[in-house]
């Protein structure tokens, strides 16, 4: 091997080493590498704020409705579950004065859903909410197949209430996730309940309230 060939091989080796070194240094960090851990830390921060409500803010904590389904209508807050994963955390931005929905009712709502990294995954509007835009609203039955955390929050929210809702993954899409939502995701929703629509026929709201009250005694 002559000297020219030797130096050429040496330079090529050095260049390759430098190239791979730079590639390793500039490698982007996978934002989902410790997704479960990041979501747990995020939820912990929300729980601390909700349980120690800052001045000027209004937070509510509602226990999983499947384990606490019989509160009297109009109750402000469910008993706080000792397990922080078994409750939803609601920051009231604007509180209405209408009725709260029953499981048999239909609601007209506007909403957006976000992951903890700020990524929007669903919603009827984008950006700032405008209640004057009709297309921002959608109707569905409260008893439809909704995630547990969504229903848990909604059955406590009065008409014309606008809130931020934080839902642990245990009350959302669990460890497996769904579509664009990774497993272990804490979900944040902006939710506005515009109207509660009761089925045609006698309004059994007062009778339902009495049944609930007698059940919790």
C-alpha atoms as a PDB file:
ATOM      1  CA  UNK A   1       0.000   0.000   0.000  1.00  0.00           C
ATOM      2  CA  UNK A   2       1.509   3.354  -1.005  1.00  0.00           C
ATOM      3  CA  UNK A   3       1.461   6.396   1.247  1.00  0.00           C
ATOM      4  CA  UNK A   4      -1.227   8.214  -0.762  1.00  0.00           C
ATOM      5  CA  UNK A   5      -3.642   5.298  -0.427  1.00  0.00           C
ATOM      6  CA  UNK A   6      -2.908   4.991   3.302  1.00  0.00           C
ATOM      7  CA  UNK A   7      -3.667   8.663   3.999  1.00  0.00           C
ATOM      8  CA  UNK A   8      -6.832   8.542   1.869  1.00  0.00           C
ATOM      9  CA  UNK A   9      -8.180   5.612   3.904  1.00  0.00           C
ATOM     10  CA  UNK A  10      -7.243   7.373   7.147  1.00  0.00           C
ATOM     11  CA  UNK A  11      -9.070  10.558   6.117  1.00  0.00           C
ATOM     12  CA  UNK A  12     -12.166   8.624   5.053  1.00  0.00           C
ATOM     13  CA  UNK A  13     -12.217   6.791   8.405  1.00  0.00           C
ATOM     14  CA  UNK A  14     -11.856  10.020  10.341  1.00  0.00           C
ATOM     15  CA  UNK A  15     -14.641  11.640   8.333  1.00  0.00           C
ATOM     16  CA  UNK A  16     -16.966   8.672   8.909  1.00  0.00           C
ATOM     17  CA  UNK A  17     -16.270   8.700  12.652  1.00  0.00           C
ATOM     18  CA  UNK A  18     -16.958  12.408  12.837  1.00  0.00           C
ATOM     19  CA  UNK A  19     -20.180  12.013  10.857  1.00  0.00           C
ATOM     20  CA  UNK A  20     -21.564   9.326  13.164  1.00  0.00           C
ATOM     21  CA  UNK A  21     -20.486  11.285  16.236  1.00  0.00           C
ATOM     22  CA  UNK A  22     -22.381  14.336  15.039  1.00  0.00           C
ATOM     23  CA  UNK A  23     -25.397  12.185  14.235  1.00  0.00           C
ATOM     24  CA  UNK A  24     -25.446  10.869  17.782  1.00  0.00           C
ATOM     25  CA  UNK A  25     -25.062  14.341  19.267  1.00  0.00           C
ATOM     26  CA  UNK A  26     -27.939  15.816  17.252  1.00  0.00           C
ATOM     27  CA  UNK A  27     -30.285  12.844  17.669  1.00  0.00           C
ATOM     28  CA  UNK A  28     -33.705  14.122  18.719  1.00  0.00           C
ATOM     29  CA  UNK A  29     -35.107  12.913  22.010  1.00  0.00           C
ATOM     30  CA  UNK A  30     -38.225  10.764  21.652  1.00  0.00           C
ATOM     31  CA  UNK A  31     -41.021  12.742  23.377  1.00  0.00           C
ATOM     32  CA  UNK A  32     -42.812   9.473  24.177  1.00  0.00           C
ATOM     33  CA  UNK A  33     -39.758   7.729  25.656  1.00  0.00           C
ATOM     34  CA  UNK A  34     -41.043   8.160  29.216  1.00  0.00           C
ATOM     35  CA  UNK A  35     -44.594   9.100  28.346  1.00  0.00           C
ATOM     36  CA  UNK A  36     -46.128   7.295  31.314  1.00  0.00           C
ATOM     37  CA  UNK A  37     -43.755   8.975  33.755  1.00  0.00           C
ATOM     38  CA  UNK A  38     -44.296  12.415  32.254  1.00  0.00           C
ATOM     39  CA  UNK A  39     -48.050  12.003  32.474  1.00  0.00           C
ATOM     40  CA  UNK A  40     -47.872  10.878  36.095  1.00  0.00           C
ATOM     41  CA  UNK A  41     -45.817  13.954  37.033  1.00  0.00           C
ATOM     42  CA  UNK A  42     -48.270  16.169  35.165  1.00  0.00           C
ATOM     43  CA  UNK A  43     -51.242  14.650  36.986  1.00  0.00           C
ATOM     44  CA  UNK A  44     -49.476  15.047  40.332  1.00  0.00           C
ATOM     45  CA  UNK A  45     -49.096  18.770  39.664  1.00  0.00           C
ATOM     46  CA  UNK A  46     -52.804  19.085  38.811  1.00  0.00           C
ATOM     47  CA  UNK A  47     -53.851  17.157  41.937  1.00  0.00           C
ATOM     48  CA  UNK A  48     -51.766  19.447  44.147  1.00  0.00           C
ATOM     49  CA  UNK A  49     -53.356  22.563  42.661  1.00  0.00           C
ATOM     50  CA  UNK A  50     -56.896  21.157  42.804  1.00  0.00           C
ATOM     51  CA  UNK A  51     -56.533  20.095  46.452  1.00  0.00           C
ATOM     52  CA  UNK A  52     -54.928  23.403  47.436  1.00  0.00           C
ATOM     53  CA  UNK A  53     -56.952  25.784  45.318  1.00  0.00           C
ATOM     54  CA  UNK A  54     -55.030  29.014  44.607  1.00  0.00           C
ATOM     55  CA  UNK A  55     -56.698  32.326  45.425  1.00  0.00           C
ATOM     56  CA  UNK A  56     -58.913  33.493  42.612  1.00  0.00           C
ATOM     57  CA  UNK A  57     -59.353  30.023  41.100  1.00  0.00           C
ATOM     58  CA  UNK A  58     -62.199  27.556  41.464  1.00  0.00           C
ATOM     59  CA  UNK A  59     -61.476  23.814  41.338  1.00  0.00           C
ATOM     60  CA  UNK A  60     -63.739  20.815  41.830  1.00  0.00           C
ATOM     61  CA  UNK A  61     -62.816  17.174  42.333  1.00  0.00           C
ATOM     62  CA  UNK A  62     -65.340  14.559  41.284  1.00  0.00           C
ATOM     63  CA  UNK A  63     -64.996  10.885  42.076  1.00  0.00           C
ATOM     64  CA  UNK A  64     -65.471   8.231  39.379  1.00  0.00           C
ATOM     65  CA  UNK A  65     -69.247   8.190  38.833  1.00  0.00           C
ATOM     66  CA  UNK A  66     -69.258   4.395  38.525  1.00  0.00           C
ATOM     67  CA  UNK A  67     -68.165   4.177  42.144  1.00  0.00           C
ATOM     68  CA  UNK A  68     -70.170   7.186  43.329  1.00  0.00           C
ATOM     69  CA  UNK A  69     -73.288   7.221  41.138  1.00  0.00           C
ATOM     70  CA  UNK A  70     -75.948   8.405  43.588  1.00  0.00           C
ATOM     71  CA  UNK A  71     -75.142  11.950  44.682  1.00  0.00           C
ATOM     72  CA  UNK A  72     -78.123  14.299  44.961  1.00  0.00           C
ATOM     73  CA  UNK A  73     -78.604  16.507  41.948  1.00  0.00           C
ATOM     74  CA  UNK A  74     -76.953  19.851  42.473  1.00  0.00           C
ATOM     75  CA  UNK A  75     -74.138  18.463  44.628  1.00  0.00           C
ATOM     76  CA  UNK A  76     -71.030  20.575  44.262  1.00  0.00           C
ATOM     77  CA  UNK A  77     -68.376  17.934  44.837  1.00  0.00           C
ATOM     78  CA  UNK A  78     -68.142  14.207  45.351  1.00  0.00           C
ATOM     79  CA  UNK A  79     -66.121  12.708  48.205  1.00  0.00           C
ATOM     80  CA  UNK A  80     -62.452  12.907  47.207  1.00  0.00           C
ATOM     81  CA  UNK A  81     -61.092   9.481  46.426  1.00  0.00           C
ATOM     82  CA  UNK A  82     -57.951   8.556  48.324  1.00  0.00           C
ATOM     83  CA  UNK A  83     -56.641   7.221  45.012  1.00  0.00           C
ATOM     84  CA  UNK A  84     -55.894  10.261  42.862  1.00  0.00           C
ATOM     85  CA  UNK A  85     -56.394   8.186  39.718  1.00  0.00           C
ATOM     86  CA  UNK A  86     -60.056   7.605  40.575  1.00  0.00           C
ATOM     87  CA  UNK A  87     -61.171  11.247  40.273  1.00  0.00           C
ATOM     88  CA  UNK A  88     -61.360  13.963  37.658  1.00  0.00           C
ATOM     89  CA  UNK A  89     -60.118  17.473  38.354  1.00  0.00           C
ATOM     90  CA  UNK A  90     -62.138  20.407  37.070  1.00  0.00           C
ATOM     91  CA  UNK A  91     -61.083  24.030  36.892  1.00  0.00           C
ATOM     92  CA  UNK A  92     -64.183  26.202  36.561  1.00  0.00           C
ATOM     93  CA  UNK A  93     -63.545  29.094  34.165  1.00  0.00           C
ATOM     94  CA  UNK A  94     -67.156  30.291  33.972  1.00  0.00           C
ATOM     95  CA  UNK A  95     -69.936  28.758  36.073  1.00  0.00           C
ATOM     96  CA  UNK A  96     -73.481  28.715  34.746  1.00  0.00           C
ATOM     97  CA  UNK A  97     -76.723  28.587  36.691  1.00  0.00           C
ATOM     98  CA  UNK A  98     -78.753  26.082  34.681  1.00  0.00           C
ATOM     99  CA  UNK A  99     -79.600  22.452  35.382  1.00  0.00           C
ATOM    100  CA  UNK A 100     -77.118  19.579  35.408  1.00  0.00           C
ATOM    101  CA  UNK A 101     -77.740  16.685  32.994  1.00  0.00           C
ATOM    102  CA  UNK A 102     -79.166  13.303  33.927  1.00  0.00           C
ATOM    103  CA  UNK A 103     -77.958  10.121  32.251  1.00  0.00           C
ATOM    104  CA  UNK A 104     -81.117  10.101  30.110  1.00  0.00           C
ATOM    105  CA  UNK A 105     -80.574  13.649  28.830  1.00  0.00           C
ATOM    106  CA  UNK A 106     -78.928  14.968  25.682  1.00  0.00           C
ATOM    107  CA  UNK A 107     -76.419  17.801  25.890  1.00  0.00           C
ATOM    108  CA  UNK A 108     -75.243  20.430  23.433  1.00  0.00           C
ATOM    109  CA  UNK A 109     -71.541  21.058  24.045  1.00  0.00           C
ATOM    110  CA  UNK A 110     -68.388  22.558  22.575  1.00  0.00           C
ATOM    111  CA  UNK A 111     -65.028  21.040  23.448  1.00  0.00           C
ATOM    112  CA  UNK A 112     -61.347  20.554  22.674  1.00  0.00           C
ATOM    113  CA  UNK A 113     -59.084  17.746  23.874  1.00  0.00           C
ATOM    114  CA  UNK A 114     -55.308  17.949  24.455  1.00  0.00           C
ATOM    115  CA  UNK A 115     -52.446  15.701  25.517  1.00  0.00           C
ATOM    116  CA  UNK A 116     -50.069  16.864  28.242  1.00  0.00           C
ATOM    117  CA  UNK A 117     -47.595  18.100  25.610  1.00  0.00           C
ATOM    118  CA  UNK A 118     -50.213  20.503  24.260  1.00  0.00           C
ATOM    119  CA  UNK A 119     -51.056  18.415  21.193  1.00  0.00           C
ATOM    120  CA  UNK A 120     -54.734  18.736  20.243  1.00  0.00           C
ATOM    121  CA  UNK A 121     -56.305  15.372  19.398  1.00  0.00           C
ATOM    122  CA  UNK A 122     -60.014  16.190  19.051  1.00  0.00           C
ATOM    123  CA  UNK A 123     -62.613  18.928  19.330  1.00  0.00           C
ATOM    124  CA  UNK A 124     -65.443  20.932  17.813  1.00  0.00           C
ATOM    125  CA  UNK A 125     -63.452  24.160  17.627  1.00  0.00           C
ATOM    126  CA  UNK A 126     -59.837  25.344  17.574  1.00  0.00           C
ATOM    127  CA  UNK A 127     -58.175  28.273  19.285  1.00  0.00           C
ATOM    128  CA  UNK A 128     -60.272  30.533  21.473  1.00  0.00           C
ATOM    129  CA  UNK A 129     -63.828  29.368  22.166  1.00  0.00           C
ATOM    130  CA  UNK A 130     -66.634  31.487  20.701  1.00  0.00           C
ATOM    131  CA  UNK A 131     -70.113  30.559  21.913  1.00  0.00           C
ATOM    132  CA  UNK A 132     -71.737  32.567  19.129  1.00  0.00           C
ATOM    133  CA  UNK A 133     -70.504  30.201  16.409  1.00  0.00           C
ATOM    134  CA  UNK A 134     -73.174  27.528  15.935  1.00  0.00           C
ATOM    135  CA  UNK A 135     -70.773  25.067  14.289  1.00  0.00           C
ATOM    136  CA  UNK A 136     -68.766  24.886  17.527  1.00  0.00           C
ATOM    137  CA  UNK A 137     -71.473  22.747  19.135  1.00  0.00           C
ATOM    138  CA  UNK A 138     -72.358  19.081  18.934  1.00  0.00           C
ATOM    139  CA  UNK A 139     -75.159  17.081  20.574  1.00  0.00           C
ATOM    140  CA  UNK A 140     -74.964  13.626  22.126  1.00  0.00           C
ATOM    141  CA  UNK A 141     -76.631  11.603  24.860  1.00  0.00           C
ATOM    142  CA  UNK A 142     -75.099  11.653  28.317  1.00  0.00           C
ATOM    143  CA  UNK A 143     -75.659   7.907  28.450  1.00  0.00           C
ATOM    144  CA  UNK A 144     -73.724   7.337  25.215  1.00  0.00           C
ATOM    145  CA  UNK A 145     -70.453   5.417  25.318  1.00  0.00           C
ATOM    146  CA  UNK A 146     -68.226   8.165  26.650  1.00  0.00           C
ATOM    147  CA  UNK A 147     -65.010   7.772  28.598  1.00  0.00           C
ATOM    148  CA  UNK A 148     -65.632   7.495  32.333  1.00  0.00           C
ATOM    149  CA  UNK A 149     -63.858  10.738  33.195  1.00  0.00           C
ATOM    150  CA  UNK A 150     -65.882  12.760  30.708  1.00  0.00           C
ATOM    151  CA  UNK A 151     -69.203  11.523  32.090  1.00  0.00           C
ATOM    152  CA  UNK A 152     -67.997  11.941  35.682  1.00  0.00           C
ATOM    153  CA  UNK A 153     -67.333  15.639  35.105  1.00  0.00           C
ATOM    154  CA  UNK A 154     -70.313  16.374  32.905  1.00  0.00           C
ATOM    155  CA  UNK A 155     -73.039  15.101  35.270  1.00  0.00           C
ATOM    156  CA  UNK A 156     -71.925  17.770  37.771  1.00  0.00           C
ATOM    157  CA  UNK A 157     -71.682  20.682  35.331  1.00  0.00           C
ATOM    158  CA  UNK A 158     -74.546  23.147  34.998  1.00  0.00           C
ATOM    159  CA  UNK A 159     -75.696  24.652  31.729  1.00  0.00           C
ATOM    160  CA  UNK A 160     -73.532  27.553  30.512  1.00  0.00           C
ATOM    161  CA  UNK A 161     -70.497  26.292  32.449  1.00  0.00           C
ATOM    162  CA  UNK A 162     -67.074  26.485  30.787  1.00  0.00           C
ATOM    163  CA  UNK A 163     -64.307  24.448  32.389  1.00  0.00           C
ATOM    164  CA  UNK A 164     -60.983  22.699  31.994  1.00  0.00           C
ATOM    165  CA  UNK A 165     -61.169  18.991  32.822  1.00  0.00           C
ATOM    166  CA  UNK A 166     -58.151  16.830  33.669  1.00  0.00           C
ATOM    167  CA  UNK A 167     -58.706  13.090  33.394  1.00  0.00           C
ATOM    168  CA  UNK A 168     -56.262  10.357  34.544  1.00  0.00           C
ATOM    169  CA  UNK A 169     -55.610   7.659  31.970  1.00  0.00           C
ATOM    170  CA  UNK A 170     -57.415   5.145  34.208  1.00  0.00           C
ATOM    171  CA  UNK A 171     -60.656   7.059  33.517  1.00  0.00           C
ATOM    172  CA  UNK A 172     -59.806   7.684  29.860  1.00  0.00           C
ATOM    173  CA  UNK A 173     -58.165   5.279  27.354  1.00  0.00           C
ATOM    174  CA  UNK A 174     -56.056   3.285  29.784  1.00  0.00           C
ATOM    175  CA  UNK A 175     -52.705   1.674  29.091  1.00  0.00           C
ATOM    176  CA  UNK A 176     -53.536   0.856  25.488  1.00  0.00           C
ATOM    177  CA  UNK A 177     -54.568   4.308  24.279  1.00  0.00           C
ATOM    178  CA  UNK A 178     -56.683   4.887  21.206  1.00  0.00           C
ATOM    179  CA  UNK A 179     -55.882   6.171  17.719  1.00  0.00           C
ATOM    180  CA  UNK A 180     -53.735   9.310  18.158  1.00  0.00           C
ATOM    181  CA  UNK A 181     -53.860   9.041  21.969  1.00  0.00           C
ATOM    182  CA  UNK A 182     -50.922   7.038  23.396  1.00  0.00           C
ATOM    183  CA  UNK A 183     -51.403   4.721  26.339  1.00  0.00           C
ATOM    184  CA  UNK A 184     -51.066   6.224  29.826  1.00  0.00           C
ATOM    185  CA  UNK A 185     -52.261   9.625  28.583  1.00  0.00           C
ATOM    186  CA  UNK A 186     -53.738  12.153  30.984  1.00  0.00           C
ATOM    187  CA  UNK A 187     -56.313  14.094  28.984  1.00  0.00           C
ATOM    188  CA  UNK A 188     -57.147  17.774  29.247  1.00  0.00           C
ATOM    189  CA  UNK A 189     -60.450  19.034  27.865  1.00  0.00           C
ATOM    190  CA  UNK A 190     -61.951  22.445  27.470  1.00  0.00           C
ATOM    191  CA  UNK A 191     -65.696  21.822  27.807  1.00  0.00           C
ATOM    192  CA  UNK A 192     -68.654  24.156  27.544  1.00  0.00           C
ATOM    193  CA  UNK A 193     -72.167  22.848  28.225  1.00  0.00           C
ATOM    194  CA  UNK A 194     -74.567  25.040  26.319  1.00  0.00           C
ATOM    195  CA  UNK A 195     -77.848  23.214  26.859  1.00  0.00           C
ATOM    196  CA  UNK A 196     -79.330  20.198  28.625  1.00  0.00           C
ATOM    197  CA  UNK A 197     -82.135  18.651  26.571  1.00  0.00           C
ATOM    198  CA  UNK A 198     -84.569  16.477  28.502  1.00  0.00           C
ATOM    199  CA  UNK A 199     -86.505  13.707  26.691  1.00  0.00           C
ATOM    200  CA  UNK A 200     -90.123  14.401  25.818  1.00  0.00           C
ATOM    201  CA  UNK A 201     -92.609  13.413  28.492  1.00  0.00           C
ATOM    202  CA  UNK A 202     -92.818  13.974  32.256  1.00  0.00           C
ATOM    203  CA  UNK A 203     -89.675  15.483  33.758  1.00  0.00           C
ATOM    204  CA  UNK A 204     -88.567  12.969  36.383  1.00  0.00           C
ATOM    205  CA  UNK A 205     -85.769  15.197  37.636  1.00  0.00           C
ATOM    206  CA  UNK A 206     -87.304  15.782  41.087  1.00  0.00           C
ATOM    207  CA  UNK A 207     -88.108  12.080  41.530  1.00  0.00           C
ATOM    208  CA  UNK A 208     -84.575  11.122  40.512  1.00  0.00           C
ATOM    209  CA  UNK A 209     -83.116  13.579  43.020  1.00  0.00           C
ATOM    210  CA  UNK A 210     -85.207  12.066  45.834  1.00  0.00           C
ATOM    211  CA  UNK A 211     -84.065   8.588  44.924  1.00  0.00           C
ATOM    212  CA  UNK A 212     -80.441   9.720  44.981  1.00  0.00           C
ATOM    213  CA  UNK A 213     -80.820  11.446  48.310  1.00  0.00           C
ATOM    214  CA  UNK A 214     -82.399   8.381  49.916  1.00  0.00           C
ATOM    215  CA  UNK A 215     -79.597   6.192  48.509  1.00  0.00           C
ATOM    216  CA  UNK A 216     -76.802   8.138  50.231  1.00  0.00           C
ATOM    217  CA  UNK A 217     -78.361   8.141  53.713  1.00  0.00           C
END
